[in-house]
Amino acid sequence: MRINIAPHRARRKAAAEDGNASLELLILAPVLLALIGLVIAAGRTSVAQGAVDAAARDAARQASISMTAAAARQVALSTANAALRADGLRCKPVLTLSLEPGFSTPPGEPAQVSATVTCTVPLSDLLVPGIPGARRLTARFTSPLDPYRSRAGAMLSQCRRTAVGTIGG
């Protein structure tokens, strides 16, 4: 009569490894959470950089079609704020416009306007060790200045004078 000892050994070996899964999970869980945090931080930074790029592009474009330097500054700032709000980015942008020699260039000659937008994106809510509390993102965009800016303003003021003279007279 032969006795089969193999099933008994297999049960004893399985019983000895019962706690290993818990231990492996305990060791790997912080590593996995840190990796997930890094992926989220990279994604947030990438999306925020795209939003800052779009804000700089929109600000430069709107400044380039303005009639005056003062109007360009005002419309560029409001456009950058609106673009960042539309993308859900919670930061107060710092906008730098380079308008010289743009608006001092005579109409019809090529000139350009540059907008630089800087925004600090918070990362402290991720609670991942090694990631700074915030990341400063910067984007710059240059747009050609509208060569017909003063002609449009002259035509607009002439139309207003004509319309007022016709209505009043």
N, C-alpha and C. Protein backbone atom coordinates (compact mmCIF):
# COMPACT_ATOMS: atom_id res chain seq x y z
N MET A 1 0.82 -1.17 0.00
CA MET A 1 0.00 0.00 0.00
C MET A 1 0.88 1.25 0.00
N ARG A 2 0.58 2.10 -0.92
CA ARG A 2 1.35 3.34 -1.07
C ARG A 2 0.56 4.53 -0.55
N ILE A 3 1.24 5.37 0.18
CA ILE A 3 0.59 6.57 0.71
C ILE A 3 1.11 7.77 -0.08
N ASN A 4 0.18 8.58 -0.54
CA ASN A 4 0.53 9.76 -1.32
C ASN A 4 0.76 10.94 -0.37
N ILE A 5 1.99 11.42 -0.27
CA ILE A 5 2.34 12.50 0.66
C ILE A 5 2.31 13.86 -0.04
N ALA A 6 2.31 13.91 -1.33
CA ALA A 6 2.39 15.17 -2.08
C ALA A 6 1.28 16.15 -1.77
N PRO A 7 -0.01 15.81 -1.70
CA PRO A 7 -1.05 16.79 -1.38
C PRO A 7 -0.85 17.41 0.00
N HIS A 8 -0.36 16.63 0.94
CA HIS A 8 -0.14 17.15 2.29
C HIS A 8 0.97 18.20 2.29
N ARG A 9 2.04 17.98 1.55
CA ARG A 9 3.13 18.97 1.45
C ARG A 9 2.66 20.24 0.75
N ALA A 10 1.86 20.12 -0.27
CA ALA A 10 1.35 21.29 -0.99
C ALA A 10 0.50 22.16 -0.08
N ARG A 11 -0.33 21.52 0.78
CA ARG A 11 -1.16 22.30 1.71
C ARG A 11 -0.29 23.02 2.74
N ARG A 12 0.74 22.34 3.21
CA ARG A 12 1.62 22.95 4.20
C ARG A 12 2.39 24.13 3.58
N LYS A 13 2.84 24.01 2.33
CA LYS A 13 3.56 25.08 1.64
C LYS A 13 2.64 26.27 1.37
N ALA A 14 1.39 26.04 0.97
CA ALA A 14 0.42 27.10 0.74
C ALA A 14 0.10 27.83 2.03
N ALA A 15 0.02 27.11 3.13
CA ALA A 15 -0.27 27.74 4.42
C ALA A 15 0.88 28.63 4.86
N ALA A 16 2.09 28.27 4.50
CA ALA A 16 3.25 29.08 4.88
C ALA A 16 3.33 30.38 4.09
N GLU A 17 2.71 30.46 2.90
CA GLU A 17 2.74 31.66 2.06
C GLU A 17 1.48 32.50 2.17
N ASP A 18 0.61 32.23 3.08
CA ASP A 18 -0.65 32.95 3.20
C ASP A 18 -0.48 34.44 3.45
N GLY A 19 0.46 34.89 4.21
CA GLY A 19 0.64 36.31 4.53
C GLY A 19 1.46 37.09 3.54
N ASN A 20 2.01 36.46 2.53
CA ASN A 20 2.88 37.15 1.58
C ASN A 20 2.15 38.17 0.73
N ALA A 21 0.92 37.91 0.32
CA ALA A 21 0.16 38.85 -0.52
C ALA A 21 -0.09 40.15 0.23
N SER A 22 -0.41 40.05 1.50
CA SER A 22 -0.64 41.26 2.31
C SER A 22 0.64 42.07 2.44
N LEU A 23 1.73 41.39 2.65
CA LEU A 23 3.01 42.06 2.79
C LEU A 23 3.43 42.74 1.48
N GLU A 24 3.23 42.06 0.36
CA GLU A 24 3.56 42.64 -0.94
C GLU A 24 2.71 43.88 -1.21
N LEU A 25 1.43 43.80 -0.88
CA LEU A 25 0.55 44.95 -1.07
C LEU A 25 0.97 46.11 -0.18
N LEU A 26 1.37 45.82 1.03
CA LEU A 26 1.81 46.86 1.95
C LEU A 26 3.07 47.56 1.44
N ILE A 27 3.95 46.82 0.79
CA ILE A 27 5.18 47.40 0.26
C ILE A 27 4.93 48.15 -1.05
N LEU A 28 4.07 47.60 -1.90
CA LEU A 28 3.86 48.19 -3.22
C LEU A 28 2.85 49.35 -3.24
N ALA A 29 1.94 49.41 -2.28
CA ALA A 29 0.91 50.45 -2.29
C ALA A 29 1.49 51.87 -2.30
N PRO A 30 2.45 52.22 -1.43
CA PRO A 30 3.00 53.59 -1.49
C PRO A 30 3.70 53.89 -2.81
N VAL A 31 4.36 52.88 -3.36
CA VAL A 31 5.05 53.08 -4.64
C VAL A 31 4.02 53.35 -5.75
N LEU A 32 2.96 52.57 -5.77
CA LEU A 32 1.91 52.77 -6.79
C LEU A 32 1.23 54.13 -6.61
N LEU A 33 0.95 54.52 -5.37
CA LEU A 33 0.33 55.83 -5.12
C LEU A 33 1.24 56.97 -5.56
N ALA A 34 2.54 56.83 -5.31
CA ALA A 34 3.48 57.86 -5.74
C ALA A 34 3.53 57.95 -7.26
N LEU A 35 3.51 56.82 -7.93
CA LEU A 35 3.51 56.83 -9.41
C LEU A 35 2.23 57.47 -9.95
N ILE A 36 1.10 57.17 -9.35
CA ILE A 36 -0.16 57.78 -9.78
C ILE A 36 -0.11 59.29 -9.55
N GLY A 37 0.45 59.72 -8.41
CA GLY A 37 0.60 61.15 -8.14
C GLY A 37 1.49 61.84 -9.15
N LEU A 38 2.58 61.19 -9.54
CA LEU A 38 3.48 61.76 -10.55
C LEU A 38 2.80 61.88 -11.91
N VAL A 39 2.01 60.88 -12.27
CA VAL A 39 1.28 60.94 -13.54
C VAL A 39 0.26 62.09 -13.52
N ILE A 40 -0.43 62.25 -12.40
CA ILE A 40 -1.40 63.34 -12.28
C ILE A 40 -0.69 64.69 -12.34
N ALA A 41 0.45 64.82 -11.66
CA ALA A 41 1.20 66.08 -11.69
C ALA A 41 1.69 66.40 -13.10
N ALA A 42 2.18 65.39 -13.81
CA ALA A 42 2.64 65.61 -15.19
C ALA A 42 1.47 66.01 -16.09
N GLY A 43 0.33 65.37 -15.91
CA GLY A 43 -0.84 65.72 -16.70
C GLY A 43 -1.34 67.12 -16.41
N ARG A 44 -1.38 67.47 -15.13
CA ARG A 44 -1.84 68.81 -14.76
C ARG A 44 -0.89 69.88 -15.32
N THR A 45 0.40 69.63 -15.25
CA THR A 45 1.38 70.58 -15.77
C THR A 45 1.26 70.70 -17.29
N SER A 46 1.05 69.59 -17.97
CA SER A 46 0.92 69.62 -19.43
C SER A 46 -0.32 70.38 -19.87
N VAL A 47 -1.44 70.13 -19.23
CA VAL A 47 -2.68 70.84 -19.56
C VAL A 47 -2.54 72.33 -19.24
N ALA A 48 -1.92 72.64 -18.11
CA ALA A 48 -1.73 74.04 -17.73
C ALA A 48 -0.80 74.76 -18.71
N GLN A 49 0.25 74.08 -19.19
CA GLN A 49 1.14 74.70 -20.17
C GLN A 49 0.39 75.00 -21.46
N GLY A 50 -0.48 74.11 -21.88
CA GLY A 50 -1.31 74.37 -23.06
C GLY A 50 -2.22 75.57 -22.86
N ALA A 51 -2.78 75.70 -21.67
CA ALA A 51 -3.65 76.85 -21.38
C ALA A 51 -2.85 78.15 -21.37
N VAL A 52 -1.65 78.13 -20.82
CA VAL A 52 -0.81 79.34 -20.79
C VAL A 52 -0.37 79.70 -22.21
N ASP A 53 -0.04 78.70 -23.02
CA ASP A 53 0.29 78.95 -24.44
C ASP A 53 -0.88 79.61 -25.16
N ALA A 54 -2.08 79.08 -24.95
CA ALA A 54 -3.26 79.65 -25.60
C ALA A 54 -3.53 81.07 -25.13
N ALA A 55 -3.33 81.33 -23.84
CA ALA A 55 -3.54 82.67 -23.31
C ALA A 55 -2.56 83.67 -23.92
N ALA A 56 -1.30 83.26 -24.07
CA ALA A 56 -0.30 84.15 -24.69
C ALA A 56 -0.64 84.41 -26.15
N ARG A 57 -1.04 83.36 -26.86
CA ARG A 57 -1.41 83.51 -28.27
C ARG A 57 -2.62 84.45 -28.42
N ASP A 58 -3.65 84.24 -27.61
CA ASP A 58 -4.85 85.08 -27.69
C ASP A 58 -4.55 86.53 -27.31
N ALA A 59 -3.73 86.71 -26.28
CA ALA A 59 -3.39 88.07 -25.83
C ALA A 59 -2.61 88.81 -26.91
N ALA A 60 -1.65 88.15 -27.53
CA ALA A 60 -0.86 88.80 -28.59
C ALA A 60 -1.73 89.13 -29.80
N ARG A 61 -2.60 88.22 -30.15
CA ARG A 61 -3.46 88.46 -31.32
C ARG A 61 -4.42 89.62 -31.07
N GLN A 62 -5.04 89.65 -29.91
CA GLN A 62 -5.97 90.74 -29.61
C GLN A 62 -5.24 92.08 -29.49
N ALA A 63 -4.03 92.06 -28.95
CA ALA A 63 -3.24 93.30 -28.86
C ALA A 63 -2.85 93.78 -30.26
N SER A 64 -2.60 92.86 -31.16
CA SER A 64 -2.14 93.24 -32.50
C SER A 64 -3.23 93.90 -33.34
N ILE A 65 -4.48 93.68 -33.01
CA ILE A 65 -5.55 94.31 -33.79
C ILE A 65 -6.15 95.52 -33.08
N SER A 66 -5.52 95.93 -31.98
CA SER A 66 -5.98 97.13 -31.27
C SER A 66 -5.51 98.38 -31.99
N MET A 67 -6.18 99.49 -31.71
CA MET A 67 -5.86 100.76 -32.35
C MET A 67 -4.69 101.48 -31.68
N THR A 68 -4.60 101.37 -30.34
CA THR A 68 -3.56 102.09 -29.59
C THR A 68 -2.85 101.14 -28.64
N ALA A 69 -1.74 101.59 -28.12
CA ALA A 69 -0.98 100.78 -27.17
C ALA A 69 -1.75 100.59 -25.87
N ALA A 70 -2.43 101.63 -25.40
CA ALA A 70 -3.21 101.52 -24.16
C ALA A 70 -4.35 100.51 -24.33
N ALA A 71 -5.04 100.58 -25.46
CA ALA A 71 -6.11 99.62 -25.72
C ALA A 71 -5.55 98.21 -25.85
N ALA A 72 -4.36 98.08 -26.43
CA ALA A 72 -3.73 96.77 -26.59
C ALA A 72 -3.43 96.15 -25.24
N ARG A 73 -2.91 96.95 -24.30
CA ARG A 73 -2.61 96.43 -22.97
C ARG A 73 -3.88 95.95 -22.26
N GLN A 74 -4.91 96.75 -22.34
CA GLN A 74 -6.16 96.43 -21.65
C GLN A 74 -6.80 95.17 -22.24
N VAL A 75 -6.90 95.09 -23.54
CA VAL A 75 -7.56 93.94 -24.17
C VAL A 75 -6.71 92.68 -24.03
N ALA A 76 -5.40 92.80 -24.03
CA ALA A 76 -4.52 91.63 -23.88
C ALA A 76 -4.68 91.02 -22.49
N LEU A 77 -4.73 91.86 -21.46
CA LEU A 77 -4.88 91.36 -20.10
C LEU A 77 -6.24 90.68 -19.91
N SER A 78 -7.29 91.31 -20.38
CA SER A 78 -8.61 90.71 -20.22
C SER A 78 -8.73 89.42 -21.04
N THR A 79 -8.10 89.38 -22.20
CA THR A 79 -8.14 88.17 -23.02
C THR A 79 -7.36 87.03 -22.37
N ALA A 80 -6.20 87.32 -21.80
CA ALA A 80 -5.40 86.29 -21.12
C ALA A 80 -6.17 85.73 -19.92
N ASN A 81 -6.78 86.62 -19.14
CA ASN A 81 -7.58 86.16 -17.99
C ASN A 81 -8.73 85.28 -18.44
N ALA A 82 -9.42 85.70 -19.49
CA ALA A 82 -10.57 84.93 -19.99
C ALA A 82 -10.13 83.56 -20.52
N ALA A 83 -9.01 83.52 -21.22
CA ALA A 83 -8.52 82.25 -21.77
C ALA A 83 -8.14 81.28 -20.66
N LEU A 84 -7.50 81.78 -19.61
CA LEU A 84 -7.12 80.90 -18.50
C LEU A 84 -8.33 80.44 -17.71
N ARG A 85 -9.30 81.32 -17.51
CA ARG A 85 -10.54 80.92 -16.83
C ARG A 85 -11.30 79.87 -17.64
N ALA A 86 -11.34 80.05 -18.96
CA ALA A 86 -12.05 79.10 -19.82
C ALA A 86 -11.43 77.70 -19.75
N ASP A 87 -10.13 77.63 -19.54
CA ASP A 87 -9.46 76.34 -19.43
C ASP A 87 -9.45 75.80 -17.99
N GLY A 88 -10.07 76.52 -17.08
CA GLY A 88 -10.18 76.06 -15.70
C GLY A 88 -8.91 76.18 -14.89
N LEU A 89 -8.01 77.06 -15.31
CA LEU A 89 -6.75 77.24 -14.60
C LEU A 89 -6.92 78.32 -13.54
N ARG A 90 -6.64 77.95 -12.29
CA ARG A 90 -6.82 78.90 -11.19
C ARG A 90 -5.49 79.56 -10.86
N CYS A 91 -5.18 80.60 -11.59
CA CYS A 91 -3.96 81.35 -11.30
C CYS A 91 -4.17 82.79 -11.75
N LYS A 92 -3.38 83.67 -11.19
CA LYS A 92 -3.43 85.07 -11.60
C LYS A 92 -2.25 85.29 -12.55
N PRO A 93 -2.54 85.48 -13.84
CA PRO A 93 -1.44 85.58 -14.80
C PRO A 93 -0.69 86.91 -14.70
N VAL A 94 0.58 86.85 -15.00
CA VAL A 94 1.40 88.04 -15.14
C VAL A 94 1.63 88.19 -16.64
N LEU A 95 1.13 89.29 -17.19
CA LEU A 95 1.21 89.52 -18.63
C LEU A 95 2.23 90.61 -18.91
N THR A 96 3.13 90.33 -19.82
CA THR A 96 4.11 91.32 -20.26
C THR A 96 3.94 91.49 -21.76
N LEU A 97 3.68 92.72 -22.17
CA LEU A 97 3.52 93.03 -23.59
C LEU A 97 4.72 93.80 -24.09
N SER A 98 5.21 93.41 -25.23
CA SER A 98 6.27 94.14 -25.89
C SER A 98 5.65 94.86 -27.09
N LEU A 99 5.36 96.15 -26.91
CA LEU A 99 4.66 96.92 -27.94
C LEU A 99 5.58 97.83 -28.74
N GLU A 100 6.81 97.95 -28.31
CA GLU A 100 7.74 98.85 -29.00
C GLU A 100 8.55 98.07 -30.00
N PRO A 101 8.79 98.56 -31.14
CA PRO A 101 8.36 99.80 -31.74
C PRO A 101 7.00 99.69 -32.42
N GLY A 102 6.26 98.61 -32.14
CA GLY A 102 5.01 98.30 -32.82
C GLY A 102 4.09 99.47 -33.11
N PHE A 103 3.54 100.12 -32.08
CA PHE A 103 2.55 101.16 -32.30
C PHE A 103 3.17 102.50 -32.73
N SER A 104 4.48 102.63 -32.60
CA SER A 104 5.12 103.85 -33.09
C SER A 104 5.54 103.71 -34.55
N THR A 105 5.42 102.52 -35.10
CA THR A 105 5.72 102.30 -36.52
C THR A 105 4.60 102.92 -37.36
N PRO A 106 4.93 103.61 -38.43
CA PRO A 106 3.89 104.21 -39.27
C PRO A 106 2.96 103.14 -39.84
N PRO A 107 1.68 103.47 -39.98
CA PRO A 107 0.73 102.51 -40.55
C PRO A 107 1.18 102.06 -41.95
N GLY A 108 0.97 100.80 -42.23
CA GLY A 108 1.35 100.24 -43.52
C GLY A 108 2.70 99.56 -43.50
N GLU A 109 3.52 99.83 -42.48
CA GLU A 109 4.83 99.18 -42.37
C GLU A 109 4.73 98.01 -41.40
N PRO A 110 5.51 96.96 -41.63
CA PRO A 110 5.41 95.78 -40.76
C PRO A 110 5.92 96.06 -39.36
N ALA A 111 5.22 95.53 -38.39
CA ALA A 111 5.60 95.63 -36.98
C ALA A 111 4.99 94.42 -36.27
N GLN A 112 5.38 94.24 -35.04
CA GLN A 112 4.85 93.09 -34.30
C GLN A 112 4.63 93.42 -32.84
N VAL A 113 3.81 92.60 -32.20
CA VAL A 113 3.50 92.71 -30.78
C VAL A 113 3.78 91.35 -30.16
N SER A 114 4.45 91.34 -29.00
CA SER A 114 4.73 90.08 -28.30
C SER A 114 4.06 90.10 -26.93
N ALA A 115 3.49 88.96 -26.58
CA ALA A 115 2.86 88.80 -25.27
C ALA A 115 3.52 87.63 -24.55
N THR A 116 3.89 87.86 -23.30
CA THR A 116 4.43 86.81 -22.46
C THR A 116 3.50 86.64 -21.27
N VAL A 117 3.02 85.43 -21.07
CA VAL A 117 2.12 85.13 -19.95
C VAL A 117 2.84 84.17 -19.01
N THR A 118 2.86 84.53 -17.73
CA THR A 118 3.45 83.69 -16.70
C THR A 118 2.37 83.36 -15.68
N CYS A 119 2.28 82.09 -15.32
CA CYS A 119 1.23 81.64 -14.41
C CYS A 119 1.83 80.59 -13.47
N THR A 120 1.49 80.67 -12.19
CA THR A 120 1.96 79.70 -11.22
C THR A 120 0.83 78.71 -10.93
N VAL A 121 1.09 77.45 -11.23
CA VAL A 121 0.09 76.39 -11.08
C VAL A 121 0.34 75.64 -9.78
N PRO A 122 -0.68 75.51 -8.92
CA PRO A 122 -0.48 74.81 -7.65
C PRO A 122 -0.43 73.29 -7.84
N LEU A 123 0.53 72.66 -7.18
CA LEU A 123 0.65 71.19 -7.19
C LEU A 123 0.66 70.63 -5.77
N SER A 124 0.54 71.51 -4.78
CA SER A 124 0.67 71.09 -3.38
C SER A 124 -0.47 70.19 -2.94
N ASP A 125 -1.62 70.24 -3.60
CA ASP A 125 -2.75 69.41 -3.19
C ASP A 125 -2.57 67.94 -3.56
N LEU A 126 -1.54 67.60 -4.33
CA LEU A 126 -1.29 66.21 -4.71
C LEU A 126 -0.63 65.40 -3.59
N LEU A 127 0.08 66.06 -2.69
CA LEU A 127 0.73 65.43 -1.54
C LEU A 127 1.67 64.29 -1.94
N VAL A 128 2.42 64.50 -2.99
CA VAL A 128 3.41 63.52 -3.42
C VAL A 128 4.79 64.04 -3.00
N PRO A 129 5.55 63.23 -2.27
CA PRO A 129 6.89 63.68 -1.86
C PRO A 129 7.78 63.95 -3.06
N GLY A 130 8.53 65.03 -2.99
CA GLY A 130 9.46 65.37 -4.07
C GLY A 130 8.88 66.31 -5.10
N ILE A 131 7.58 66.53 -5.10
CA ILE A 131 6.96 67.46 -6.05
C ILE A 131 6.84 68.81 -5.35
N PRO A 132 7.30 69.88 -6.01
CA PRO A 132 7.21 71.20 -5.38
C PRO A 132 5.74 71.63 -5.22
N GLY A 133 5.53 72.62 -4.36
CA GLY A 133 4.17 73.10 -4.09
C GLY A 133 3.52 73.79 -5.27
N ALA A 134 4.31 74.34 -6.19
CA ALA A 134 3.75 75.03 -7.35
C ALA A 134 4.78 74.99 -8.48
N ARG A 135 4.28 75.18 -9.68
CA ARG A 135 5.16 75.21 -10.86
C ARG A 135 4.86 76.47 -11.64
N ARG A 136 5.90 77.20 -11.99
CA ARG A 136 5.77 78.44 -12.74
C ARG A 136 5.90 78.15 -14.23
N LEU A 137 4.85 78.48 -14.98
CA LEU A 137 4.81 78.21 -16.42
C LEU A 137 4.81 79.53 -17.18
N THR A 138 5.56 79.58 -18.27
CA THR A 138 5.67 80.80 -19.07
C THR A 138 5.51 80.45 -20.55
N ALA A 139 4.81 81.34 -21.26
CA ALA A 139 4.65 81.18 -22.70
C ALA A 139 4.77 82.54 -23.36
N ARG A 140 5.34 82.57 -24.55
CA ARG A 140 5.51 83.82 -25.30
C ARG A 140 5.00 83.60 -26.72
N PHE A 141 4.30 84.61 -27.22
CA PHE A 141 3.79 84.53 -28.59
C PHE A 141 3.92 85.91 -29.22
N THR A 142 4.29 85.92 -30.50
CA THR A 142 4.45 87.17 -31.25
C THR A 142 3.45 87.17 -32.39
N SER A 143 2.77 88.30 -32.55
CA SER A 143 1.77 88.43 -33.60
C SER A 143 2.07 89.70 -34.41
N PRO A 144 1.89 89.65 -35.74
CA PRO A 144 2.13 90.85 -36.53
C PRO A 144 1.07 91.92 -36.23
N LEU A 145 1.51 93.14 -36.17
CA LEU A 145 0.62 94.27 -35.90
C LEU A 145 -0.21 94.57 -37.15
N ASP A 146 -1.47 94.86 -36.95
CA ASP A 146 -2.35 95.17 -38.07
C ASP A 146 -1.84 96.42 -38.78
N PRO A 147 -1.41 96.32 -40.05
CA PRO A 147 -0.85 97.48 -40.74
C PRO A 147 -1.90 98.55 -41.06
N TYR A 148 -3.17 98.22 -40.99
CA TYR A 148 -4.23 99.18 -41.34
C TYR A 148 -4.96 99.71 -40.11
N ARG A 149 -4.33 99.63 -38.94
CA ARG A 149 -5.00 100.01 -37.70
C ARG A 149 -5.46 101.46 -37.67
N SER A 150 -4.68 102.41 -38.17
CA SER A 150 -5.10 103.81 -38.09
C SER A 150 -6.11 104.15 -39.17
N ARG A 151 -6.04 103.48 -40.30
CA ARG A 151 -7.02 103.73 -41.35
C ARG A 151 -8.41 103.30 -40.89
N ALA A 152 -8.49 102.17 -40.20
CA ALA A 152 -9.79 101.71 -39.70
C ALA A 152 -10.32 102.69 -38.67
N GLY A 153 -9.45 103.21 -37.80
CA GLY A 153 -9.88 104.20 -36.81
C GLY A 153 -10.35 105.48 -37.46
N ALA A 154 -9.65 105.91 -38.50
CA ALA A 154 -10.05 107.13 -39.20
C ALA A 154 -11.39 106.94 -39.89
N MET A 155 -11.57 105.78 -40.51
CA MET A 155 -12.84 105.51 -41.18
C MET A 155 -13.98 105.42 -40.18
N LEU A 156 -13.73 104.81 -39.02
CA LEU A 156 -14.75 104.68 -38.00
C LEU A 156 -15.16 106.05 -37.47
N SER A 157 -14.19 106.92 -37.19
CA SER A 157 -14.54 108.25 -36.69
C SER A 157 -15.25 109.07 -37.76
N GLN A 158 -14.87 108.89 -39.04
CA GLN A 158 -15.54 109.60 -40.13
C GLN A 158 -16.98 109.11 -40.26
N CYS A 159 -17.21 107.82 -40.13
CA CYS A 159 -18.57 107.29 -40.19
C CYS A 159 -19.41 107.82 -39.05
N ARG A 160 -18.84 107.94 -37.86
CA ARG A 160 -19.59 108.46 -36.71
C ARG A 160 -19.97 109.92 -36.94
N ARG A 161 -19.01 110.71 -37.47
CA ARG A 161 -19.30 112.12 -37.74
C ARG A 161 -20.40 112.25 -38.79
N THR A 162 -20.33 111.44 -39.82
CA THR A 162 -21.34 111.50 -40.89
C THR A 162 -22.70 111.09 -40.35
N ALA A 163 -22.72 110.03 -39.54
CA ALA A 163 -23.99 109.55 -39.01
C ALA A 163 -24.58 110.59 -38.05
N VAL A 164 -23.77 111.21 -37.21
CA VAL A 164 -24.26 112.21 -36.28
C VAL A 164 -24.76 113.43 -37.05
N GLY A 165 -23.99 113.85 -38.07
CA GLY A 165 -24.41 115.00 -38.86
C GLY A 165 -25.70 114.76 -39.61
N THR A 166 -25.91 113.53 -40.08
CA THR A 166 -27.12 113.21 -40.82
C THR A 166 -28.31 113.13 -39.89
N ILE A 167 -28.14 112.52 -38.72
CA ILE A 167 -29.24 112.38 -37.80
C ILE A 167 -29.61 113.74 -37.21
N GLY A 168 -28.61 114.50 -36.84
CA GLY A 168 -28.88 115.78 -36.20
C GLY A 168 -29.29 116.87 -37.18
N GLY A 169 -28.98 116.76 -38.45
CA GLY A 169 -29.17 117.86 -39.37
C GLY A 169 -30.26 117.63 -40.32
